[in-house]
């Protein structure tokens, strides 16, 4: 084993001492807050929020979203259609997306936007297309797509998710497949 030079031993020892000092200083600093500040922090951490300041929402589980997406994809495949299916939660966040074999590249984003649109307005996107006649600016809302193929998933009339389908030759077919996914959740 090679013996370290005096200079190397001195530098190594200095580095070790500095590391130990920094660690000790950090530990002491972390615990150096006055007792009244420490108790205030604990009091804030233990404060209970009043029930009137809370709201609850219902969300699909990943298993339910996957089951709905698979039922949708199966319905499309039964009719030899190549589609993409997206399931989003109440906030429009994607839970699951299944891209069927041979689905077009545009179908991925379109399915997500249709699902988002359906859950946002709690209506099938084919119905929302009709609303554009009275309010054409609706289509300008970011992230939306006003084409048939989106269906909301509801619990007691309130939207909890949306299923969007894209890739079939018509929005009517896309929406028919989306409704098969909604129906699978009721079983």
C-alpha atoms as a PDB file:
ATOM      1  CA  UNK A   1       0.000   0.000   0.000  1.00  0.00           C
ATOM      2  CA  UNK A   2       1.355   3.410  -0.970  1.00  0.00           C
ATOM      3  CA  UNK A   3       1.975   5.850   1.869  1.00  0.00           C
ATOM      4  CA  UNK A   4       0.381   9.294   1.490  1.00  0.00           C
ATOM      5  CA  UNK A   5       2.632  12.339   1.535  1.00  0.00           C
ATOM      6  CA  UNK A   6       2.504  14.693   4.436  1.00  0.00           C
ATOM      7  CA  UNK A   7       0.710  17.281   2.277  1.00  0.00           C
ATOM      8  CA  UNK A   8      -1.943  14.747   1.114  1.00  0.00           C
ATOM      9  CA  UNK A   9      -2.578  13.652   4.730  1.00  0.00           C
ATOM     10  CA  UNK A  10      -2.925  17.283   5.832  1.00  0.00           C
ATOM     11  CA  UNK A  11      -5.390  18.105   3.015  1.00  0.00           C
ATOM     12  CA  UNK A  12      -7.417  14.948   3.666  1.00  0.00           C
ATOM     13  CA  UNK A  13      -7.576  15.668   7.397  1.00  0.00           C
ATOM     14  CA  UNK A  14      -8.635  19.260   6.768  1.00  0.00           C
ATOM     15  CA  UNK A  15     -11.399  18.138   4.393  1.00  0.00           C
ATOM     16  CA  UNK A  16     -12.714  15.603   6.925  1.00  0.00           C
ATOM     17  CA  UNK A  17     -12.650  18.182   9.731  1.00  0.00           C
ATOM     18  CA  UNK A  18     -14.492  20.751   7.575  1.00  0.00           C
ATOM     19  CA  UNK A  19     -17.165  18.197   6.649  1.00  0.00           C
ATOM     20  CA  UNK A  20     -17.722  17.240  10.284  1.00  0.00           C
ATOM     21  CA  UNK A  21     -17.887  20.898  11.318  1.00  0.00           C
ATOM     22  CA  UNK A  22     -20.422  21.721   8.608  1.00  0.00           C
ATOM     23  CA  UNK A  23     -22.599  18.768   9.610  1.00  0.00           C
ATOM     24  CA  UNK A  24     -22.477  19.735  13.275  1.00  0.00           C
ATOM     25  CA  UNK A  25     -23.263  23.373  12.472  1.00  0.00           C
ATOM     26  CA  UNK A  26     -26.218  22.320  10.284  1.00  0.00           C
ATOM     27  CA  UNK A  27     -27.636  20.074  12.982  1.00  0.00           C
ATOM     28  CA  UNK A  28     -27.313  22.785  15.624  1.00  0.00           C
ATOM     29  CA  UNK A  29     -28.814  25.422  13.316  1.00  0.00           C
ATOM     30  CA  UNK A  30     -31.821  23.240  12.531  1.00  0.00           C
ATOM     31  CA  UNK A  31     -32.600  22.933  16.234  1.00  0.00           C
ATOM     32  CA  UNK A  32     -31.684  26.494  17.209  1.00  0.00           C
ATOM     33  CA  UNK A  33     -35.106  28.067  16.705  1.00  0.00           C
ATOM     34  CA  UNK A  34     -36.520  29.611  19.867  1.00  0.00           C
ATOM     35  CA  UNK A  35     -38.988  27.436  21.740  1.00  0.00           C
ATOM     36  CA  UNK A  36     -41.915  29.776  20.964  1.00  0.00           C
ATOM     37  CA  UNK A  37     -41.245  29.499  17.220  1.00  0.00           C
ATOM     38  CA  UNK A  38     -41.067  25.704  17.451  1.00  0.00           C
ATOM     39  CA  UNK A  39     -44.414  25.524  19.259  1.00  0.00           C
ATOM     40  CA  UNK A  40     -46.007  27.897  16.727  1.00  0.00           C
ATOM     41  CA  UNK A  41     -44.914  25.607  13.916  1.00  0.00           C
ATOM     42  CA  UNK A  42     -46.408  22.619  15.702  1.00  0.00           C
ATOM     43  CA  UNK A  43     -49.660  24.524  16.329  1.00  0.00           C
ATOM     44  CA  UNK A  44     -50.011  25.350  12.652  1.00  0.00           C
ATOM     45  CA  UNK A  45     -49.317  21.770  11.656  1.00  0.00           C
ATOM     46  CA  UNK A  46     -52.009  20.521  14.039  1.00  0.00           C
ATOM     47  CA  UNK A  47     -54.666  23.103  13.120  1.00  0.00           C
ATOM     48  CA  UNK A  48     -57.843  21.495  11.791  1.00  0.00           C
ATOM     49  CA  UNK A  49     -59.598  22.921   8.781  1.00  0.00           C
ATOM     50  CA  UNK A  50     -63.288  23.531   9.312  1.00  0.00           C
ATOM     51  CA  UNK A  51     -65.670  21.274   7.390  1.00  0.00           C
ATOM     52  CA  UNK A  52     -67.302  24.309   5.781  1.00  0.00           C
ATOM     53  CA  UNK A  53     -63.942  25.069   4.112  1.00  0.00           C
ATOM     54  CA  UNK A  54     -63.707  21.670   2.439  1.00  0.00           C
ATOM     55  CA  UNK A  55     -65.258  20.101  -0.593  1.00  0.00           C
ATOM     56  CA  UNK A  56     -65.173  16.518  -1.743  1.00  0.00           C
ATOM     57  CA  UNK A  57     -65.153  15.173  -5.248  1.00  0.00           C
ATOM     58  CA  UNK A  58     -65.603  11.756  -6.752  1.00  0.00           C
ATOM     59  CA  UNK A  59     -63.020  10.314  -9.117  1.00  0.00           C
ATOM     60  CA  UNK A  60     -62.759   7.121 -11.123  1.00  0.00           C
ATOM     61  CA  UNK A  61     -60.119   4.667 -10.023  1.00  0.00           C
ATOM     62  CA  UNK A  62     -57.428   3.706 -12.502  1.00  0.00           C
ATOM     63  CA  UNK A  63     -59.043   0.265 -12.715  1.00  0.00           C
ATOM     64  CA  UNK A  64     -62.444   1.729 -13.610  1.00  0.00           C
ATOM     65  CA  UNK A  65     -60.932   4.130 -16.148  1.00  0.00           C
ATOM     66  CA  UNK A  66     -58.968   1.289 -17.739  1.00  0.00           C
ATOM     67  CA  UNK A  67     -62.066  -0.932 -17.830  1.00  0.00           C
ATOM     68  CA  UNK A  68     -64.062   1.836 -19.537  1.00  0.00           C
ATOM     69  CA  UNK A  69     -61.271   2.534 -22.033  1.00  0.00           C
ATOM     70  CA  UNK A  70     -60.905  -1.152 -22.871  1.00  0.00           C
ATOM     71  CA  UNK A  71     -64.681  -1.560 -23.344  1.00  0.00           C
ATOM     72  CA  UNK A  72     -64.619   1.445 -25.667  1.00  0.00           C
ATOM     73  CA  UNK A  73     -61.714   0.064 -27.675  1.00  0.00           C
ATOM     74  CA  UNK A  74     -63.382  -3.365 -27.853  1.00  0.00           C
ATOM     75  CA  UNK A  75     -66.594  -1.806 -29.202  1.00  0.00           C
ATOM     76  CA  UNK A  76     -64.613  -0.044 -31.921  1.00  0.00           C
ATOM     77  CA  UNK A  77     -62.651  -3.171 -32.805  1.00  0.00           C
ATOM     78  CA  UNK A  78     -65.902  -5.140 -33.085  1.00  0.00           C
ATOM     79  CA  UNK A  79     -66.765  -2.792 -35.960  1.00  0.00           C
ATOM     80  CA  UNK A  80     -63.237  -2.891 -37.444  1.00  0.00           C
ATOM     81  CA  UNK A  81     -62.509   0.706 -36.451  1.00  0.00           C
ATOM     82  CA  UNK A  82     -59.058   1.911 -35.459  1.00  0.00           C
ATOM     83  CA  UNK A  83     -59.426   4.480 -32.707  1.00  0.00           C
ATOM     84  CA  UNK A  84     -57.759   6.023 -29.701  1.00  0.00           C
ATOM     85  CA  UNK A  85     -59.626   6.271 -26.393  1.00  0.00           C
ATOM     86  CA  UNK A  86     -58.872   8.754 -23.615  1.00  0.00           C
ATOM     87  CA  UNK A  87     -60.416   8.883 -20.147  1.00  0.00           C
ATOM     88  CA  UNK A  88     -59.962  12.089 -18.152  1.00  0.00           C
ATOM     89  CA  UNK A  89     -60.946  12.938 -14.585  1.00  0.00           C
ATOM     90  CA  UNK A  90     -63.274  15.758 -13.499  1.00  0.00           C
ATOM     91  CA  UNK A  91     -60.422  18.248 -13.767  1.00  0.00           C
ATOM     92  CA  UNK A  92     -59.547  17.177 -17.301  1.00  0.00           C
ATOM     93  CA  UNK A  93     -56.404  15.306 -16.301  1.00  0.00           C
ATOM     94  CA  UNK A  94     -55.797  12.178 -18.330  1.00  0.00           C
ATOM     95  CA  UNK A  95     -56.238   8.971 -16.352  1.00  0.00           C
ATOM     96  CA  UNK A  96     -55.641   6.503 -19.187  1.00  0.00           C
ATOM     97  CA  UNK A  97     -55.257   6.566 -22.956  1.00  0.00           C
ATOM     98  CA  UNK A  98     -55.377   3.494 -25.196  1.00  0.00           C
ATOM     99  CA  UNK A  99     -54.296   3.838 -28.789  1.00  0.00           C
ATOM    100  CA  UNK A 100     -55.706   1.012 -30.851  1.00  0.00           C
ATOM    101  CA  UNK A 101     -53.632  -0.760 -33.463  1.00  0.00           C
ATOM    102  CA  UNK A 102     -53.575   1.318 -36.615  1.00  0.00           C
ATOM    103  CA  UNK A 103     -55.152   4.443 -35.091  1.00  0.00           C
ATOM    104  CA  UNK A 104     -54.053   7.640 -36.803  1.00  0.00           C
ATOM    105  CA  UNK A 105     -51.482   9.929 -35.191  1.00  0.00           C
ATOM    106  CA  UNK A 106     -54.023  12.767 -34.814  1.00  0.00           C
ATOM    107  CA  UNK A 107     -56.385  10.551 -32.835  1.00  0.00           C
ATOM    108  CA  UNK A 108     -54.368  10.647 -29.606  1.00  0.00           C
ATOM    109  CA  UNK A 109     -54.729  14.382 -28.982  1.00  0.00           C
ATOM    110  CA  UNK A 110     -58.238  14.521 -30.433  1.00  0.00           C
ATOM    111  CA  UNK A 111     -59.483  11.813 -28.047  1.00  0.00           C
ATOM    112  CA  UNK A 112     -58.082  13.666 -25.041  1.00  0.00           C
ATOM    113  CA  UNK A 113     -59.630  16.970 -26.118  1.00  0.00           C
ATOM    114  CA  UNK A 114     -63.030  15.360 -26.738  1.00  0.00           C
ATOM    115  CA  UNK A 115     -62.951  13.746 -23.282  1.00  0.00           C
ATOM    116  CA  UNK A 116     -61.982  17.071 -21.695  1.00  0.00           C
ATOM    117  CA  UNK A 117     -64.747  18.898 -23.561  1.00  0.00           C
ATOM    118  CA  UNK A 118     -67.392  16.340 -22.537  1.00  0.00           C
ATOM    119  CA  UNK A 119     -66.521  16.460 -18.847  1.00  0.00           C
ATOM    120  CA  UNK A 120     -66.153  20.249 -18.816  1.00  0.00           C
ATOM    121  CA  UNK A 121     -69.734  20.802 -20.027  1.00  0.00           C
ATOM    122  CA  UNK A 122     -71.210  17.540 -18.723  1.00  0.00           C
ATOM    123  CA  UNK A 123     -72.625  16.807 -22.166  1.00  0.00           C
ATOM    124  CA  UNK A 124     -71.849  14.608 -25.143  1.00  0.00           C
ATOM    125  CA  UNK A 125     -69.704  16.529 -27.593  1.00  0.00           C
ATOM    126  CA  UNK A 126     -72.248  15.965 -30.379  1.00  0.00           C
ATOM    127  CA  UNK A 127     -74.689  18.077 -28.326  1.00  0.00           C
ATOM    128  CA  UNK A 128     -72.035  20.708 -27.775  1.00  0.00           C
ATOM    129  CA  UNK A 129     -71.475  21.010 -31.526  1.00  0.00           C
ATOM    130  CA  UNK A 130     -75.081  22.217 -31.770  1.00  0.00           C
ATOM    131  CA  UNK A 131     -74.394  24.896 -29.143  1.00  0.00           C
ATOM    132  CA  UNK A 132     -71.750  26.425 -31.392  1.00  0.00           C
ATOM    133  CA  UNK A 133     -74.556  27.854 -33.529  1.00  0.00           C
ATOM    134  CA  UNK A 134     -75.548  30.142 -30.635  1.00  0.00           C
ATOM    135  CA  UNK A 135     -72.053  30.638 -29.195  1.00  0.00           C
ATOM    136  CA  UNK A 136     -69.397  30.142 -31.883  1.00  0.00           C
ATOM    137  CA  UNK A 137     -66.639  31.407 -29.572  1.00  0.00           C
ATOM    138  CA  UNK A 138     -66.921  28.236 -27.442  1.00  0.00           C
ATOM    139  CA  UNK A 139     -64.564  26.535 -29.883  1.00  0.00           C
ATOM    140  CA  UNK A 140     -61.855  29.056 -28.952  1.00  0.00           C
ATOM    141  CA  UNK A 141     -61.512  27.736 -25.396  1.00  0.00           C
ATOM    142  CA  UNK A 142     -58.074  26.091 -25.112  1.00  0.00           C
ATOM    143  CA  UNK A 143     -57.973  22.314 -24.879  1.00  0.00           C
ATOM    144  CA  UNK A 144     -61.473  21.746 -26.236  1.00  0.00           C
ATOM    145  CA  UNK A 145     -62.643  20.011 -29.390  1.00  0.00           C
ATOM    146  CA  UNK A 146     -66.242  20.356 -30.498  1.00  0.00           C
ATOM    147  CA  UNK A 147     -66.627  17.219 -32.595  1.00  0.00           C
ATOM    148  CA  UNK A 148     -68.732  14.153 -31.851  1.00  0.00           C
ATOM    149  CA  UNK A 149     -66.911  11.486 -29.889  1.00  0.00           C
ATOM    150  CA  UNK A 150     -66.877  12.640 -26.272  1.00  0.00           C
ATOM    151  CA  UNK A 151     -69.165  11.412 -23.504  1.00  0.00           C
ATOM    152  CA  UNK A 152     -69.340  12.469 -19.854  1.00  0.00           C
ATOM    153  CA  UNK A 153     -69.338   9.972 -16.998  1.00  0.00           C
ATOM    154  CA  UNK A 154     -71.665  11.116 -14.209  1.00  0.00           C
ATOM    155  CA  UNK A 155     -72.536  10.178 -10.648  1.00  0.00           C
ATOM    156  CA  UNK A 156     -75.886  11.506  -9.457  1.00  0.00           C
ATOM    157  CA  UNK A 157     -75.917  13.845 -12.451  1.00  0.00           C
ATOM    158  CA  UNK A 158     -72.535  15.402 -11.678  1.00  0.00           C
ATOM    159  CA  UNK A 159     -69.618  14.855 -14.071  1.00  0.00           C
ATOM    160  CA  UNK A 160     -66.731  12.799 -12.684  1.00  0.00           C
ATOM    161  CA  UNK A 161     -64.914  11.872 -15.903  1.00  0.00           C
ATOM    162  CA  UNK A 162     -65.021  12.091 -19.654  1.00  0.00           C
ATOM    163  CA  UNK A 163     -64.373   9.504 -22.337  1.00  0.00           C
ATOM    164  CA  UNK A 164     -63.148  10.690 -25.713  1.00  0.00           C
ATOM    165  CA  UNK A 165     -62.758   8.650 -28.887  1.00  0.00           C
ATOM    166  CA  UNK A 166     -61.132   9.669 -32.146  1.00  0.00           C
ATOM    167  CA  UNK A 167     -60.253   7.868 -35.346  1.00  0.00           C
ATOM    168  CA  UNK A 168     -63.503   6.413 -36.686  1.00  0.00           C
ATOM    169  CA  UNK A 169     -64.809   7.839 -39.961  1.00  0.00           C
ATOM    170  CA  UNK A 170     -67.479   9.884 -38.150  1.00  0.00           C
ATOM    171  CA  UNK A 171     -68.057  11.588 -34.839  1.00  0.00           C
ATOM    172  CA  UNK A 172     -71.257   9.590 -34.477  1.00  0.00           C
ATOM    173  CA  UNK A 173     -69.275   6.335 -34.450  1.00  0.00           C
ATOM    174  CA  UNK A 174     -66.669   7.795 -32.083  1.00  0.00           C
ATOM    175  CA  UNK A 175     -69.431   8.814 -29.695  1.00  0.00           C
ATOM    176  CA  UNK A 176     -71.168   5.447 -29.972  1.00  0.00           C
ATOM    177  CA  UNK A 177     -67.928   3.794 -28.834  1.00  0.00           C
ATOM    178  CA  UNK A 178     -67.467   6.320 -26.015  1.00  0.00           C
ATOM    179  CA  UNK A 179     -70.980   5.496 -24.786  1.00  0.00           C
ATOM    180  CA  UNK A 180     -69.988   1.797 -24.689  1.00  0.00           C
ATOM    181  CA  UNK A 181     -67.241   2.794 -22.245  1.00  0.00           C
ATOM    182  CA  UNK A 182     -69.691   4.733 -20.087  1.00  0.00           C
ATOM    183  CA  UNK A 183     -72.059   1.750 -20.100  1.00  0.00           C
ATOM    184  CA  UNK A 184     -69.237  -0.577 -18.987  1.00  0.00           C
ATOM    185  CA  UNK A 185     -68.891   1.454 -15.797  1.00  0.00           C
ATOM    186  CA  UNK A 186     -72.530   0.820 -14.857  1.00  0.00           C
ATOM    187  CA  UNK A 187     -72.090  -2.943 -14.858  1.00  0.00           C
END
